Amino acid sequence: MIESPAYRQTWERKEAWYRSGGILPVEDGSVHEGSLILTTDNLDGVDVPQWTELARKVIGEVPSGPVIPPKKKVKKTLPGV
């Protein structure tokens, strides 16, 4: 898709927007506001090992399955009681 001039132009605008907010691609080093993870694919599909290694570099160990956040405990009270 990046070969498409229209797609490339749209992506370049998005990347400039991220950079203006201090969110830089991982390749540009560690940043305070966050890291932008850029991935690519081709006609053969995605390179899952490469994507996994990139995720490990940014967020640490990658979970092997879905991550379900713990339920928050809410104290229920009746009004006026």
C-alpha atoms as a PDB file:
ATOM      1  CA  MET A   1       0.000   0.000   0.000  1.00  0.00           C
ATOM      2  CA  ILE A   2       2.837   2.416   0.756  1.00  0.00           C
ATOM      3  CA  GLU A   3       3.645   2.308  -2.950  1.00  0.00           C
ATOM      4  CA  SER A   4       0.362   4.153  -3.585  1.00  0.00           C
ATOM      5  CA  PRO A   5       1.075   7.925  -3.717  1.00  0.00           C
ATOM      6  CA  ALA A   6      -2.245   8.770  -2.028  1.00  0.00           C
ATOM      7  CA  TYR A   7      -1.651   6.266   0.790  1.00  0.00           C
ATOM      8  CA  ARG A   8       1.933   7.455   1.274  1.00  0.00           C
ATOM      9  CA  GLN A   9       0.815  11.092   1.457  1.00  0.00           C
ATOM     10  CA  THR A  10      -1.873  10.270   4.024  1.00  0.00           C
ATOM     11  CA  TRP A  11       0.587   8.251   6.085  1.00  0.00           C
ATOM     12  CA  GLU A  12       3.205  11.020   5.992  1.00  0.00           C
ATOM     13  CA  ARG A  13       0.607  13.466   7.377  1.00  0.00           C
ATOM     14  CA  LYS A  14      -0.248  11.029  10.168  1.00  0.00           C
ATOM     15  CA  GLU A  15       3.413  10.460  10.998  1.00  0.00           C
ATOM     16  CA  ALA A  16       4.000  14.239  11.187  1.00  0.00           C
ATOM     17  CA  TRP A  17       1.015  14.517  13.548  1.00  0.00           C
ATOM     18  CA  TYR A  18       2.432  11.807  15.844  1.00  0.00           C
ATOM     19  CA  ARG A  19       5.862  13.443  15.815  1.00  0.00           C
ATOM     20  CA  SER A  20       4.364  16.852  16.676  1.00  0.00           C
ATOM     21  CA  GLY A  21       2.948  15.238  19.814  1.00  0.00           C
ATOM     22  CA  GLY A  22       6.312  13.778  20.830  1.00  0.00           C
ATOM     23  CA  ILE A  23       5.444  10.232  19.761  1.00  0.00           C
ATOM     24  CA  LEU A  24       8.351   8.992  17.684  1.00  0.00           C
ATOM     25  CA  PRO A  25       9.037   5.723  15.880  1.00  0.00           C
ATOM     26  CA  VAL A  26      10.873   3.183  18.026  1.00  0.00           C
ATOM     27  CA  GLU A  27      13.825   3.421  15.654  1.00  0.00           C
ATOM     28  CA  ASP A  28      14.285   7.084  16.681  1.00  0.00           C
ATOM     29  CA  GLY A  29      14.921   6.090  20.290  1.00  0.00           C
ATOM     30  CA  SER A  30      13.124   6.233  23.591  1.00  0.00           C
ATOM     31  CA  VAL A  31      10.721   9.116  24.045  1.00  0.00           C
ATOM     32  CA  HIS A  32       8.808  10.510  26.997  1.00  0.00           C
ATOM     33  CA  GLU A  33       5.348  10.713  25.443  1.00  0.00           C
ATOM     34  CA  GLY A  34       5.269   7.292  23.798  1.00  0.00           C
ATOM     35  CA  SER A  35       6.590   5.152  21.005  1.00  0.00           C
ATOM     36  CA  LEU A  36       5.148   4.714  17.540  1.00  0.00           C
ATOM     37  CA  ILE A  37       5.448   1.124  16.336  1.00  0.00           C
ATOM     38  CA  LEU A  38       5.770   0.985  12.565  1.00  0.00           C
ATOM     39  CA  THR A  39       5.171  -2.350  10.877  1.00  0.00           C
ATOM     40  CA  THR A  40       5.217  -3.523   7.297  1.00  0.00           C
ATOM     41  CA  ASP A  41       3.898  -6.417   5.316  1.00  0.00           C
ATOM     42  CA  ASN A  42       4.137  -7.658   1.748  1.00  0.00           C
ATOM     43  CA  LEU A  43       2.389 -10.070  -0.588  1.00  0.00           C
ATOM     44  CA  ASP A  44       3.625 -12.955   1.581  1.00  0.00           C
ATOM     45  CA  GLY A  45       1.840 -11.500   4.615  1.00  0.00           C
ATOM     46  CA  VAL A  46       3.246 -10.229   7.885  1.00  0.00           C
ATOM     47  CA  ASP A  47       6.480 -11.168   9.614  1.00  0.00           C
ATOM     48  CA  VAL A  48       5.069 -12.228  12.987  1.00  0.00           C
ATOM     49  CA  PRO A  49       8.461 -12.937  14.619  1.00  0.00           C
ATOM     50  CA  GLN A  50       9.657  -9.447  13.620  1.00  0.00           C
ATOM     51  CA  TRP A  51       6.472  -7.825  14.961  1.00  0.00           C
ATOM     52  CA  THR A  52       6.761  -9.819  18.204  1.00  0.00           C
ATOM     53  CA  GLU A  53      10.390  -8.775  18.697  1.00  0.00           C
ATOM     54  CA  LEU A  54       9.475  -5.141  18.059  1.00  0.00           C
ATOM     55  CA  ALA A  55       6.669  -5.356  20.635  1.00  0.00           C
ATOM     56  CA  ARG A  56       9.075  -6.892  23.166  1.00  0.00           C
ATOM     57  CA  LYS A  57      11.499  -4.028  22.586  1.00  0.00           C
ATOM     58  CA  VAL A  58       8.784  -1.469  23.343  1.00  0.00           C
ATOM     59  CA  ILE A  59       6.534  -3.043  25.981  1.00  0.00           C
ATOM     60  CA  GLY A  60       8.496  -5.967  27.367  1.00  0.00           C
ATOM     61  CA  GLU A  61       7.256  -9.547  27.389  1.00  0.00           C
ATOM     62  CA  VAL A  62       4.403 -10.198  24.991  1.00  0.00           C
ATOM     63  CA  PRO A  63       1.486 -12.230  26.412  1.00  0.00           C
ATOM     64  CA  SER A  64       0.746 -15.502  24.645  1.00  0.00           C
ATOM     65  CA  GLY A  65      -3.025 -15.095  24.785  1.00  0.00           C
ATOM     66  CA  PRO A  66      -5.676 -12.451  25.267  1.00  0.00           C
ATOM     67  CA  VAL A  67      -5.155 -10.154  28.212  1.00  0.00           C
ATOM     68  CA  ILE A  68      -8.280  -9.685  30.292  1.00  0.00           C
ATOM     69  CA  PRO A  69      -8.039  -6.855  32.811  1.00  0.00           C
ATOM     70  CA  PRO A  70      -9.199  -7.657  36.342  1.00  0.00           C
ATOM     71  CA  LYS A  71     -12.714  -6.562  37.243  1.00  0.00           C
ATOM     72  CA  LYS A  72     -12.918  -3.466  39.391  1.00  0.00           C
ATOM     73  CA  LYS A  73     -14.658  -3.881  42.717  1.00  0.00           C
ATOM     74  CA  VAL A  74     -17.434  -1.368  43.131  1.00  0.00           C
ATOM     75  CA  LYS A  75     -18.982  -0.718  46.510  1.00  0.00           C
ATOM     76  CA  LYS A  76     -22.713  -0.445  46.021  1.00  0.00           C
ATOM     77  CA  THR A  77     -24.587   1.828  48.365  1.00  0.00           C
ATOM     78  CA  LEU A  78     -28.149   3.016  48.445  1.00  0.00           C
ATOM     79  CA  PRO A  79     -28.741   6.757  48.321  1.00  0.00           C
ATOM     80  CA  GLY A  80     -29.422   8.253  51.751  1.00  0.00           C
ATOM     81  CA  VAL A  81     -28.262   5.147  53.649  1.00  0.00           C
END
